[in-house]
PDB file of N, CA and C in Angstrom:
ATOM      1  N   MET A   1      14.108   4.937 -18.140  1.00  0.00           N
ATOM      2  CA  MET A   1      14.171   4.140 -16.363  1.00  0.00           C
ATOM      3  C   MET A   1      13.774   3.252 -15.407  1.00  0.00           C
ATOM      4  N   ALA A   2      12.692   2.564 -16.164  1.00  0.00           N
ATOM      5  CA  ALA A   2      12.216   1.169 -16.135  1.00  0.00           C
ATOM      6  C   ALA A   2      13.084   0.365 -15.682  1.00  0.00           C
ATOM      7  N   ARG A   3      14.440   0.364 -16.260  1.00  0.00           N
ATOM      8  CA  ARG A   3      15.532  -0.669 -16.865  1.00  0.00           C
ATOM      9  C   ARG A   3      16.977  -0.240 -15.825  1.00  0.00           C
ATOM     10  N   GLU A   4      16.933   1.014 -15.331  1.00  0.00           N
ATOM     11  CA  GLU A   4      17.642   1.546 -14.376  1.00  0.00           C
ATOM     12  C   GLU A   4      17.133   0.758 -13.414  1.00  0.00           C
ATOM     13  N   VAL A   5      16.255   1.137 -13.035  1.00  0.00           N
ATOM     14  CA  VAL A   5      15.489   0.809 -11.487  1.00  0.00           C
ATOM     15  C   VAL A   5      15.167  -0.851 -11.499  1.00  0.00           C
ATOM     16  N   TYR A   6      14.551  -1.415 -12.415  1.00  0.00           N
ATOM     17  CA  TYR A   6      15.369  -3.061 -12.310  1.00  0.00           C
ATOM     18  C   TYR A   6      15.812  -3.684 -12.166  1.00  0.00           C
ATOM     19  N   SER A   7      17.462  -2.680 -12.451  1.00  0.00           N
ATOM     20  CA  SER A   7      18.637  -3.444 -12.462  1.00  0.00           C
ATOM     21  C   SER A   7      19.131  -3.228 -10.942  1.00  0.00           C
ATOM     22  N   ILE A   8      18.659  -1.785 -10.080  1.00  0.00           N
ATOM     23  CA  ILE A   8      19.113  -1.560  -9.358  1.00  0.00           C
ATOM     24  C   ILE A   8      17.638  -2.526  -7.912  1.00  0.00           C
ATOM     25  N   VAL A   9      17.132  -2.940  -8.542  1.00  0.00           N
ATOM     26  CA  VAL A   9      15.863  -3.825  -7.857  1.00  0.00           C
ATOM     27  C   VAL A   9      16.689  -5.109  -7.514  1.00  0.00           C
ATOM     28  N   SER A  10      17.598  -5.645  -8.816  1.00  0.00           N
ATOM     29  CA  SER A  10      17.500  -7.286  -8.991  1.00  0.00           C
ATOM     30  C   SER A  10      19.061  -7.691  -8.505  1.00  0.00           C
ATOM     31  N   SER A  11      19.694  -6.282  -8.663  1.00  0.00           N
ATOM     32  CA  SER A  11      20.925  -6.403  -7.924  1.00  0.00           C
ATOM     33  C   SER A  11      21.111  -7.135  -6.517  1.00  0.00           C
ATOM     34  N   VAL A  12      19.893  -6.286  -5.559  1.00  0.00           N
ATOM     35  CA  VAL A  12      19.657  -7.232  -4.424  1.00  0.00           C
ATOM     36  C   VAL A  12      18.698  -7.645  -3.791  1.00  0.00           C
ATOM     37  N   GLY A  13      18.207  -8.670  -5.088  1.00  0.00           N
ATOM     38  CA  GLY A  13      17.716  -9.981  -5.239  1.00  0.00           C
ATOM     39  C   GLY A  13      16.501 -10.019  -4.648  1.00  0.00           C
ATOM     40  N   LYS A  14      15.640  -9.393  -4.869  1.00  0.00           N
ATOM     41  CA  LYS A  14      14.146  -8.639  -4.809  1.00  0.00           C
ATOM     42  C   LYS A  14      13.312  -8.422  -6.065  1.00  0.00           C
ATOM     43  N   ALA A  15      13.942  -9.553  -7.066  1.00  0.00           N
ATOM     44  CA  ALA A  15      12.923  -9.023  -7.941  1.00  0.00           C
ATOM     45  C   ALA A  15      12.143 -10.254  -8.917  1.00  0.00           C
ATOM     46  N   ASN A  16      11.925 -11.233  -7.475  1.00  0.00           N
ATOM     47  CA  ASN A  16      10.999 -12.572  -7.687  1.00  0.00           C
ATOM     48  C   ASN A  16       9.624 -12.252  -8.663  1.00  0.00           C
ATOM     49  N   ARG A  17       8.895 -11.817  -7.531  1.00  0.00           N
ATOM     50  CA  ARG A  17       7.559 -10.792  -7.431  1.00  0.00           C
ATOM     51  C   ARG A  17       7.624 -10.176  -8.827  1.00  0.00           C
ATOM     52  N   ILE A  18       8.853  -9.407  -9.181  1.00  0.00           N
ATOM     53  CA  ILE A  18       8.731  -8.353 -10.649  1.00  0.00           C
ATOM     54  C   ILE A  18       7.877  -8.949 -11.518  1.00  0.00           C
ATOM     55  N   ASP A  19       9.443 -10.418 -11.273  1.00  0.00           N
ATOM     56  CA  ASP A  19       9.640 -11.260 -12.622  1.00  0.00           C
ATOM     57  C   ASP A  19       8.629 -12.221 -13.204  1.00  0.00           C
ATOM     58  N   THR A  20       7.111 -13.074 -12.243  1.00  0.00           N
ATOM     59  CA  THR A  20       6.385 -13.137 -12.223  1.00  0.00           C
ATOM     60  C   THR A  20       5.663 -12.441 -12.454  1.00  0.00           C
ATOM     61  N   PHE A  21       4.937 -11.021 -12.448  1.00  0.00           N
ATOM     62  CA  PHE A  21       4.134 -10.428 -13.095  1.00  0.00           C
ATOM     63  C   PHE A  21       4.927  -9.794 -14.832  1.00  0.00           C
ATOM     64  N   ASN A  22       5.989  -9.833 -14.605  1.00  0.00           N
ATOM     65  CA  ASN A  22       6.466  -9.539 -16.290  1.00  0.00           C
ATOM     66  C   ASN A  22       5.716 -11.336 -17.204  1.00  0.00           C
ATOM     67  N   GLY A  23       6.310 -12.002 -15.982  1.00  0.00           N
ATOM     68  CA  GLY A  23       5.979 -13.154 -16.960  1.00  0.00           C
ATOM     69  C   GLY A  23       4.770 -13.129 -17.599  1.00  0.00           C
ATOM     70  N   ASN A  24       3.636 -13.024 -16.454  1.00  0.00           N
ATOM     71  CA  ASN A  24       2.341 -13.039 -16.724  1.00  0.00           C
ATOM     72  C   ASN A  24       1.933 -12.315 -17.818  1.00  0.00           C
ATOM     73  N   PHE A  25       2.465 -11.400 -17.862  1.00  0.00           N
ATOM     74  CA  PHE A  25       2.322  -9.915 -18.886  1.00  0.00           C
ATOM     75  C   PHE A  25       3.013 -10.624 -20.168  1.00  0.00           C
ATOM     76  N   GLY A  26       3.795 -11.819 -20.637  1.00  0.00           N
ATOM     77  CA  GLY A  26       4.267 -11.173 -21.518  1.00  0.00           C
ATOM     78  C   GLY A  26       3.528 -12.947 -21.977  1.00  0.00           C
ATOM     79  N   LEU A  27       2.989 -13.880 -21.164  1.00  0.00           N
ATOM     80  CA  LEU A  27       2.361 -14.817 -21.666  1.00  0.00           C
ATOM     81  C   LEU A  27       1.422 -14.091 -21.930  1.00  0.00           C
ATOM     82  N   LEU A  28       0.458 -13.702 -21.524  1.00  0.00           N
ATOM     83  CA  LEU A  28      -0.935 -12.558 -21.690  1.00  0.00           C
ATOM     84  C   LEU A  28      -0.884 -12.173 -23.023  1.00  0.00           C
ATOM     85  N   ARG A  29       0.780 -11.514 -23.797  1.00  0.00           N
ATOM     86  CA  ARG A  29       0.477 -10.548 -24.720  1.00  0.00           C
ATOM     87  C   ARG A  29       0.643 -11.983 -25.479  1.00  0.00           C
ATOM     88  N   GLY A  30       1.133 -12.818 -25.542  1.00  0.00           N
ATOM     89  CA  GLY A  30       1.438 -13.668 -26.877  1.00  0.00           C
ATOM     90  C   GLY A  30      -0.200 -15.088 -26.818  1.00  0.00           C
ATOM     91  N   VAL A  31      -0.945 -14.590 -25.700  1.00  0.00           N
ATOM     92  CA  VAL A  31      -2.488 -15.390 -25.941  1.00  0.00           C
ATOM     93  C   VAL A  31      -3.710 -13.997 -26.727  1.00  0.00           C
ATOM     94  N   ALA A  32      -3.032 -13.040 -26.230  1.00  0.00           N
ATOM     95  CA  ALA A  32      -3.858 -12.308 -27.438  1.00  0.00           C
ATOM     96  C   ALA A  32      -3.506 -11.767 -28.870  1.00  0.00           C
ATOM     97  N   ALA A  33      -2.127 -11.933 -29.000  1.00  0.00           N
ATOM     98  CA  ALA A  33      -1.662 -11.982 -30.393  1.00  0.00           C
ATOM     99  C   ALA A  33      -2.238 -13.285 -31.173  1.00  0.00           C
ATOM    100  N   ALA A  34      -1.951 -14.616 -30.499  1.00  0.00           N
ATOM    101  CA  ALA A  34      -2.337 -15.649 -31.029  1.00  0.00           C
ATOM    102  C   ALA A  34      -4.385 -15.610 -30.915  1.00  0.00           C
ATOM    103  N   VAL A  35      -4.816 -14.901 -30.399  1.00  0.00           N
ATOM    104  CA  VAL A  35      -6.730 -14.904 -30.907  1.00  0.00           C
ATOM    105  C   VAL A  35      -6.932 -13.979 -31.664  1.00  0.00           C
ATOM    106  N   LEU A  36      -5.659 -12.696 -32.052  1.00  0.00           N
ATOM    107  CA  LEU A  36      -5.997 -12.106 -33.013  1.00  0.00           C
ATOM    108  C   LEU A  36      -5.448 -12.508 -33.706  1.00  0.00           C
ATOM    109  N   VAL A  37      -5.025 -13.542 -34.296  1.00  0.00           N
ATOM    110  CA  VAL A  37      -4.740 -14.374 -35.635  1.00  0.00           C
ATOM    111  C   VAL A  37      -5.699 -15.117 -35.632  1.00  0.00           C
ATOM    112  N   LEU A  38      -6.240 -15.915 -35.058  1.00  0.00           N
ATOM    113  CA  LEU A  38      -7.209 -16.298 -35.757  1.00  0.00           C
ATOM    114  C   LEU A  38      -8.810 -15.425 -35.834  1.00  0.00           C
ATOM    115  N   PHE A  39      -8.740 -14.795 -34.781  1.00  0.00           N
ATOM    116  CA  PHE A  39     -10.234 -13.809 -35.376  1.00  0.00           C
ATOM    117  C   PHE A  39      -9.760 -13.404 -36.808  1.00  0.00           C
ATOM    118  N   VAL A  40      -8.726 -13.041 -37.253  1.00  0.00           N
ATOM    119  CA  VAL A  40      -8.436 -12.550 -38.775  1.00  0.00           C
ATOM    120  C   VAL A  40      -8.593 -14.095 -39.646  1.00  0.00           C
ATOM    121  N   ALA A  41      -7.717 -14.974 -38.958  1.00  0.00           N
ATOM    122  CA  ALA A  41      -8.034 -15.997 -39.762  1.00  0.00           C
ATOM    123  C   ALA A  41     -10.592 -16.376 -40.027  1.00  0.00           C
ATOM    124  N   ALA A  42     -10.682 -16.989 -38.942  1.00  0.00           N
ATOM    125  CA  ALA A  42     -12.202 -16.921 -38.896  1.00  0.00           C
ATOM    126  C   ALA A  42     -12.868 -15.814 -39.832  1.00  0.00           C
ATOM    127  N   ALA A  43     -12.499 -14.627 -39.907  1.00  0.00           N
ATOM    128  CA  ALA A  43     -12.986 -13.727 -40.208  1.00  0.00           C
ATOM    129  C   ALA A  43     -12.716 -14.199 -42.217  1.00  0.00           C
ATOM    130  N   LEU A  44     -11.805 -14.297 -42.533  1.00  0.00           N
ATOM    131  CA  LEU A  44     -11.310 -14.486 -43.462  1.00  0.00           C
ATOM    132  C   LEU A  44     -12.084 -16.036 -44.269  1.00  0.00           C
ATOM    133  N   ILE A  45     -12.503 -16.939 -42.919  1.00  0.00           N
ATOM    134  CA  ILE A  45     -13.142 -18.203 -43.926  1.00  0.00           C
ATOM    135  C   ILE A  45     -14.627 -17.341 -43.371  1.00  0.00           C
ATOM    136  N   ALA A  46     -15.192 -17.506 -42.618  1.00  0.00           N
ATOM    137  CA  ALA A  46     -16.407 -16.188 -42.806  1.00  0.00           C
ATOM    138  C   ALA A  46     -17.340 -18.125 -41.877  1.00  0.00           C
ATOM    139  N   LYS A  47     -17.286 -18.813 -41.166  1.00  0.00           N
ATOM    140  CA  LYS A  47     -17.825 -19.704 -40.494  1.00  0.00           C
ATOM    141  C   LYS A  47     -19.269 -19.576 -39.665  1.00  0.00           C
ATOM    142  N   GLY A  48     -19.624 -18.126 -38.812  1.00  0.00           N
ATOM    143  CA  GLY A  48     -20.602 -17.200 -38.612  1.00  0.00           C
ATOM    144  C   GLY A  48     -19.784 -16.480 -37.392  1.00  0.00           C
ATOM    145  N   ALA A  49     -20.552 -15.590 -37.197  1.00  0.00           N
ATOM    146  CA  ALA A  49     -21.153 -14.445 -35.866  1.00  0.00           C
ATOM    147  C   ALA A  49     -20.414 -15.001 -35.583  1.00  0.00           C
ATOM    148  N   ARG A  50     -20.618 -16.215 -34.466  1.00  0.00           N
ATOM    149  CA  ARG A  50     -20.577 -16.682 -33.280  1.00  0.00           C
ATOM    150  C   ARG A  50     -19.113 -16.739 -32.840  1.00  0.00           C
ATOM    151  N   ILE A  51     -18.526 -17.540 -33.590  1.00  0.00           N
ATOM    152  CA  ILE A  51     -16.881 -18.051 -33.019  1.00  0.00           C
ATOM    153  C   ILE A  51     -16.274 -16.517 -33.302  1.00  0.00           C
ATOM    154  N   LEU A  52     -17.168 -15.251 -33.955  1.00  0.00           N
ATOM    155  CA  LEU A  52     -16.000 -14.011 -34.450  1.00  0.00           C
ATOM    156  C   LEU A  52     -16.141 -13.248 -32.780  1.00  0.00           C
ATOM    157  N   ALA A  53     -17.437 -13.662 -31.907  1.00  0.00           N
ATOM    158  CA  ALA A  53     -17.718 -12.885 -31.007  1.00  0.00           C
ATOM    159  C   ALA A  53     -17.020 -13.770 -29.729  1.00  0.00           C
ATOM    160  N   VAL A  54     -16.958 -14.702 -29.936  1.00  0.00           N
ATOM    161  CA  VAL A  54     -15.871 -15.612 -28.798  1.00  0.00           C
ATOM    162  C   VAL A  54     -14.386 -14.645 -28.899  1.00  0.00           C
ATOM    163  N   LEU A  55     -14.313 -15.100 -29.943  1.00  0.00           N
ATOM    164  CA  LEU A  55     -12.397 -14.774 -29.823  1.00  0.00           C
ATOM    165  C   LEU A  55     -11.940 -13.438 -30.321  1.00  0.00           C
ATOM    166  N   ALA A  56     -13.596 -12.663 -30.083  1.00  0.00           N
ATOM    167  CA  ALA A  56     -13.231 -11.087 -29.788  1.00  0.00           C
ATOM    168  C   ALA A  56     -12.972 -10.788 -28.177  1.00  0.00           C
ATOM    169  N   ALA A  57     -13.672 -11.370 -27.799  1.00  0.00           N
ATOM    170  CA  ALA A  57     -14.142 -11.773 -26.548  1.00  0.00           C
ATOM    171  C   ALA A  57     -12.608 -12.111 -24.815  1.00  0.00           C
ATOM    172  N   LEU A  58     -12.280 -13.186 -26.471  1.00  0.00           N
ATOM    173  CA  LEU A  58     -10.980 -13.587 -25.196  1.00  0.00           C
ATOM    174  C   LEU A  58     -10.039 -12.434 -25.816  1.00  0.00           C
ATOM    175  N   PHE A  59      -9.747 -11.805 -27.210  1.00  0.00           N
ATOM    176  CA  PHE A  59      -9.000 -11.023 -26.786  1.00  0.00           C
ATOM    177  C   PHE A  59      -9.143 -10.039 -26.596  1.00  0.00           C
ATOM    178  N   VAL A  60     -10.153  -9.339 -25.747  1.00  0.00           N
ATOM    179  CA  VAL A  60     -10.424  -8.051 -24.821  1.00  0.00           C
ATOM    180  C   VAL A  60      -9.770  -8.898 -23.725  1.00  0.00           C
ATOM    181  N   LEU A  61      -9.995  -9.704 -22.988  1.00  0.00           N
ATOM    182  CA  LEU A  61     -10.072 -10.362 -21.496  1.00  0.00           C
ATOM    183  C   LEU A  61      -8.453 -10.423 -21.829  1.00  0.00           C
ATOM    184  N   ALA A  62      -8.108 -10.811 -22.538  1.00  0.00           N
ATOM    185  CA  ALA A  62      -6.572 -11.199 -22.605  1.00  0.00           C
ATOM    186  C   ALA A  62      -5.777  -9.234 -22.662  1.00  0.00           C
ATOM    187  N   ILE A  63      -6.125  -8.639 -23.512  1.00  0.00           N
ATOM    188  CA  ILE A  63      -5.689  -7.322 -22.981  1.00  0.00           C
ATOM    189  C   ILE A  63      -5.753  -6.912 -21.637  1.00  0.00           C
ATOM    190  N   GLU A  64      -7.103  -6.802 -20.845  1.00  0.00           N
ATOM    191  CA  GLU A  64      -7.246  -6.662 -19.647  1.00  0.00           C
ATOM    192  C   GLU A  64      -6.632  -7.203 -18.687  1.00  0.00           C
ATOM    193  N   ARG A  65      -6.194  -8.270 -19.589  1.00  0.00           N
ATOM    194  CA  ARG A  65      -5.530  -9.259 -17.851  1.00  0.00           C
ATOM    195  C   ARG A  65      -4.028  -8.589 -18.199  1.00  0.00           C
ATOM    196  N   MET A  66      -3.478  -8.198 -19.303  1.00  0.00           N
ATOM    197  CA  MET A  66      -2.328  -8.006 -19.549  1.00  0.00           C
ATOM    198  C   MET A  66      -1.863  -6.324 -19.446  1.00  0.00           C
ATOM    199  N   HIS A  67      -2.826  -5.455 -19.388  1.00  0.00           N
ATOM    200  CA  HIS A  67      -3.211  -4.284 -18.657  1.00  0.00           C
ATOM    201  C   HIS A  67      -2.559  -4.600 -17.139  1.00  0.00           C
ATOM    202  N   ARG A  68      -3.726  -5.351 -16.855  1.00  0.00           N
ATOM    203  CA  ARG A  68      -3.523  -5.417 -14.993  1.00  0.00           C
ATOM    204  C   ARG A  68      -2.171  -6.296 -14.912  1.00  0.00           C
ATOM    205  N   PHE A  69      -1.973  -7.021 -15.055  1.00  0.00           N
ATOM    206  CA  PHE A  69      -0.231  -7.674 -15.083  1.00  0.00           C
ATOM    207  C   PHE A  69       0.546  -6.189 -15.037  1.00  0.00           C
ATOM    208  N   SER A  70       0.454  -5.552 -16.098  1.00  0.00           N
ATOM    209  CA  SER A  70       1.252  -4.166 -16.368  1.00  0.00           C
ATOM    210  C   SER A  70       1.586  -3.245 -15.192  1.00  0.00           C
ATOM    211  N   ARG A  71       0.310  -3.357 -14.346  1.00  0.00           N
ATOM    212  CA  ARG A  71      -0.037  -2.157 -12.952  1.00  0.00           C
ATOM    213  C   ARG A  71       0.606  -3.041 -12.387  1.00  0.00           C
ATOM    214  N   HIS A  72       0.193  -3.841 -12.528  1.00  0.00           N
ATOM    215  CA  HIS A  72       0.980  -4.839 -10.835  1.00  0.00           C
ATOM    216  C   HIS A  72       2.647  -4.871 -11.121  1.00  0.00           C
ATOM    217  N   TYR A  73       3.055  -5.386 -11.921  1.00  0.00           N
ATOM    218  CA  TYR A  73       4.829  -4.899 -12.343  1.00  0.00           C
ATOM    219  C   TYR A  73       5.116  -3.562 -12.265  1.00  0.00           C
ATOM    220  N   ALA A  74       4.609  -2.437 -12.752  1.00  0.00           N
ATOM    221  CA  ALA A  74       4.711  -1.488 -12.147  1.00  0.00           C
ATOM    222  C   ALA A  74       5.002  -0.824 -10.575  1.00  0.00           C
ATOM    223  N   ILE A  75       3.788  -1.155 -10.133  1.00  0.00           N
ATOM    224  CA  ILE A  75       3.583  -0.882  -8.081  1.00  0.00           C
ATOM    225  C   ILE A  75       4.982  -1.577  -7.635  1.00  0.00           C
ATOM    226  N   GLU A  76       4.638  -3.160  -8.132  1.00  0.00           N
ATOM    227  CA  GLU A  76       5.701  -3.688  -7.529  1.00  0.00           C
ATOM    228  C   GLU A  76       7.275  -3.453  -7.720  1.00  0.00           C
ATOM    229  N   LEU A  77       7.882  -2.709  -8.595  1.00  0.00           N
ATOM    230  CA  LEU A  77       8.926  -2.742  -9.134  1.00  0.00           C
ATOM    231  C   LEU A  77       9.090  -1.196  -8.346  1.00  0.00           C
ATOM    232  N   PHE A  78       8.466  -0.093  -8.494  1.00  0.00           N
ATOM    233  CA  PHE A  78       8.836   0.669  -7.592  1.00  0.00           C
ATOM    234  C   PHE A  78       8.545   0.628  -6.114  1.00  0.00           C
ATOM    235  N   VAL A  79       7.710   0.110  -5.215  1.00  0.00           N
ATOM    236  CA  VAL A  79       7.820  -0.276  -4.511  1.00  0.00           C
ATOM    237  C   VAL A  79       9.329  -1.091  -3.524  1.00  0.00           C
ATOM    238  N   GLN A  80       9.506  -2.320  -4.476  1.00  0.00           N
ATOM    239  CA  GLN A  80      10.792  -2.813  -4.355  1.00  0.00           C
ATOM    240  C   GLN A  80      12.284  -1.716  -4.221  1.00  0.00           C
ATOM    241  N   PHE A  81      11.551  -0.442  -5.752  1.00  0.00           N
ATOM    242  CA  PHE A  81      12.756   0.211  -5.591  1.00  0.00           C
ATOM    243  C   PHE A  81      12.876   1.161  -3.920  1.00  0.00           C
ATOM    244  N   LEU A  82      11.466   1.443  -4.137  1.00  0.00           N
ATOM    245  CA  LEU A  82      11.470   2.692  -2.588  1.00  0.00           C
ATOM    246  C   LEU A  82      12.205   1.661  -1.486  1.00  0.00           C
ATOM    247  N   LEU A  83      11.919   0.366  -1.166  1.00  0.00           N
ATOM    248  CA  LEU A  83      12.437  -0.377  -0.008  1.00  0.00           C
ATOM    249  C   LEU A  83      13.366  -0.420  -0.429  1.00  0.00           C
ATOM    250  N   VAL A  84      14.277  -0.492  -1.186  1.00  0.00           N
ATOM    251  CA  VAL A  84      15.904  -1.193  -1.465  1.00  0.00           C
ATOM    252  C   VAL A  84      16.450   0.795  -0.843  1.00  0.00           C
ATOM    253  N   LYS A  85      16.173   1.568  -1.843  1.00  0.00           N
ATOM    254  CA  LYS A  85      16.627   2.795  -1.381  1.00  0.00           C
ATOM    255  C   LYS A  85      16.172   3.409   0.362  1.00  0.00           C
ATOM    256  N   GLY A  86      15.244   3.074   0.376  1.00  0.00           N
ATOM    257  CA  GLY A  86      15.036   3.749   2.257  1.00  0.00           C
ATOM    258  C   GLY A  86      15.190   2.794   3.123  1.00  0.00           C
ATOM    259  N   ALA A  87      16.042   1.384   2.933  1.00  0.00           N
ATOM    260  CA  ALA A  87      17.230   1.102   3.539  1.00  0.00           C
ATOM    261  C   ALA A  87      18.659   1.702   3.530  1.00  0.00           C
ATOM    262  N   PRO A  88      18.940   1.490   4.415  1.00  0.00           N
ATOM    263  CA  PRO A  88      20.010   1.866   5.956  1.00  0.00           C
ATOM    264  C   PRO A  88      21.803   1.233   4.544  1.00  0.00           C
ATOM    265  N   PRO A  89      22.712   1.673   4.309  1.00  0.00           N
ATOM    266  CA  PRO A  89      23.498   0.789   3.269  1.00  0.00           C
ATOM    267  C   PRO A  89      23.991   0.141   4.558  1.00  0.00           C
TER     268      PRO A  89
END
């Protein structure tokens, strides 16, 4: 359903903010994956608990911000869809 809504919004040229939120979401998804890989590598090397705590905190922050941008994406997508559908032809 979201793809159909996005295609309608994109066809009228109102998808700029939506694309920005989606880009930020993708960036943070990559950051979270990289931090998770670093966490696993640090745990295998076992160089100390401090680095594991820092990496865990960074992972949680990246996931939380990912969630935040996904909410902004959804809100903006459906607001723009309602504005497009509410406009007279």
